[in-house]
C-alpha atoms as a PDB file:
ATOM      1  CA  MET A   1     -14.036   7.899   5.307  1.00  0.00           C
ATOM      2  CA  THR A   2     -12.677   8.389   1.844  1.00  0.00           C
ATOM      3  CA  LEU A   3      -9.592   6.949   0.300  1.00  0.00           C
ATOM      4  CA  THR A   4      -7.207   9.396  -1.325  1.00  0.00           C
ATOM      5  CA  LEU A   5      -5.218   8.086  -4.251  1.00  0.00           C
ATOM      6  CA  ASN A   6      -1.632   9.029  -3.492  1.00  0.00           C
ATOM      7  CA  VAL A   7      -0.437   6.102  -5.544  1.00  0.00           C
ATOM      8  CA  PRO A   8       3.133   6.414  -6.799  1.00  0.00           C
ATOM      9  CA  ILE A   9       3.042   6.057 -10.555  1.00  0.00           C
ATOM     10  CA  ARG A  10       5.684   5.002 -13.027  1.00  0.00           C
ATOM     11  CA  LYS A  11       4.411   7.189 -15.810  1.00  0.00           C
ATOM     12  CA  PRO A  12       1.579   9.703 -16.080  1.00  0.00           C
ATOM     13  CA  ALA A  13      -1.743   8.033 -16.794  1.00  0.00           C
ATOM     14  CA  GLN A  14      -5.213   9.315 -17.431  1.00  0.00           C
ATOM     15  CA  ARG A  15      -6.802   6.679 -15.225  1.00  0.00           C
ATOM     16  CA  ARG A  16      -5.504   4.073 -12.815  1.00  0.00           C
ATOM     17  CA  ARG A  17      -6.958   0.609 -13.020  1.00  0.00           C
ATOM     18  CA  ILE A  18      -7.579  -1.148  -9.735  1.00  0.00           C
ATOM     19  CA  ARG A  19      -5.876  -4.262 -11.112  1.00  0.00           C
ATOM     20  CA  THR A  20      -2.652  -2.336 -11.691  1.00  0.00           C
ATOM     21  CA  VAL A  21      -2.752  -0.831  -8.200  1.00  0.00           C
ATOM     22  CA  ILE A  22      -3.358  -4.230  -6.577  1.00  0.00           C
ATOM     23  CA  GLN A  23      -0.597  -5.810  -8.675  1.00  0.00           C
ATOM     24  CA  SER A  24       1.837  -3.099  -7.596  1.00  0.00           C
ATOM     25  CA  ILE A  25       0.986  -3.676  -3.939  1.00  0.00           C
ATOM     26  CA  ILE A  26       1.339  -7.454  -4.293  1.00  0.00           C
ATOM     27  CA  THR A  27       4.773  -7.179  -5.907  1.00  0.00           C
ATOM     28  CA  LEU A  28       5.937  -4.702  -3.263  1.00  0.00           C
ATOM     29  CA  ALA A  29       9.102  -5.777  -1.478  1.00  0.00           C
ATOM     30  CA  ALA A  30       8.173  -6.261   2.162  1.00  0.00           C
ATOM     31  CA  LYS A  31       8.785  -8.537   5.111  1.00  0.00           C
ATOM     32  CA  VAL A  32       5.994 -10.036   7.196  1.00  0.00           C
ATOM     33  CA  THR A  33       6.908 -10.343  10.883  1.00  0.00           C
ATOM     34  CA  TRP A  34       5.011 -12.113  13.658  1.00  0.00           C
ATOM     35  CA  HIS A  35       5.763 -11.107  17.235  1.00  0.00           C
ATOM     36  CA  ALA A  36       3.659 -11.308  20.403  1.00  0.00           C
ATOM     37  CA  ARG A  37       0.523 -12.370  18.501  1.00  0.00           C
ATOM     38  CA  SER A  38       0.818  -9.348  16.220  1.00  0.00           C
ATOM     39  CA  HIS A  39       1.436  -9.269  12.503  1.00  0.00           C
ATOM     40  CA  TRP A  40       3.657  -6.555  11.060  1.00  0.00           C
ATOM     41  CA  LEU A  41       4.388  -5.617   7.477  1.00  0.00           C
ATOM     42  CA  ARG A  42       7.864  -4.158   7.230  1.00  0.00           C
ATOM     43  CA  LEU A  43       8.531  -1.950   4.232  1.00  0.00           C
ATOM     44  CA  GLY A  44      11.848  -0.598   3.051  1.00  0.00           C
ATOM     45  CA  ARG A  45      12.948   2.853   4.109  1.00  0.00           C
ATOM     46  CA  GLY A  46      11.448   5.587   1.995  1.00  0.00           C
ATOM     47  CA  SER A  47       8.851   3.341   0.392  1.00  0.00           C
ATOM     48  CA  PRO A  48       6.467   5.435  -1.729  1.00  0.00           C
ATOM     49  CA  TRP A  49       3.677   2.910  -1.025  1.00  0.00           C
ATOM     50  CA  LEU A  50       3.603   3.479   2.743  1.00  0.00           C
ATOM     51  CA  PRO A  51       1.007   6.312   2.678  1.00  0.00           C
ATOM     52  CA  VAL A  52      -1.201   4.275   0.328  1.00  0.00           C
ATOM     53  CA  LEU A  53      -1.143   1.222   2.593  1.00  0.00           C
ATOM     54  CA  GLN A  54      -1.825   3.375   5.658  1.00  0.00           C
ATOM     55  CA  ASP A  55      -4.876   4.878   3.928  1.00  0.00           C
ATOM     56  CA  LEU A  56      -6.127   1.426   2.911  1.00  0.00           C
ATOM     57  CA  TYR A  57      -5.700   0.144   6.470  1.00  0.00           C
ATOM     58  CA  ARG A  58      -7.526   3.146   7.932  1.00  0.00           C
ATOM     59  CA  VAL A  59     -10.455   2.760   5.518  1.00  0.00           C
ATOM     60  CA  CYS A  60     -10.740  -1.007   5.974  1.00  0.00           C
ATOM     61  CA  ARG A  61     -10.442  -0.735   9.750  1.00  0.00           C
ATOM     62  CA  ALA A  62     -13.315   1.751  10.039  1.00  0.00           C
END
């Protein structure tokens, strides 16, 4: 499986550094919820990072 880079950007860039992408994900406003032995990451409505995190999860899960 390949990972597509649909990363929301603040300004156009010629290349995206992995450090910047990871920093953006870390500083993302989210809520971690535990329920019935499951962990959930709740994002705000309309979060532009949701497709990126779904792709990362799919690639890491495979």
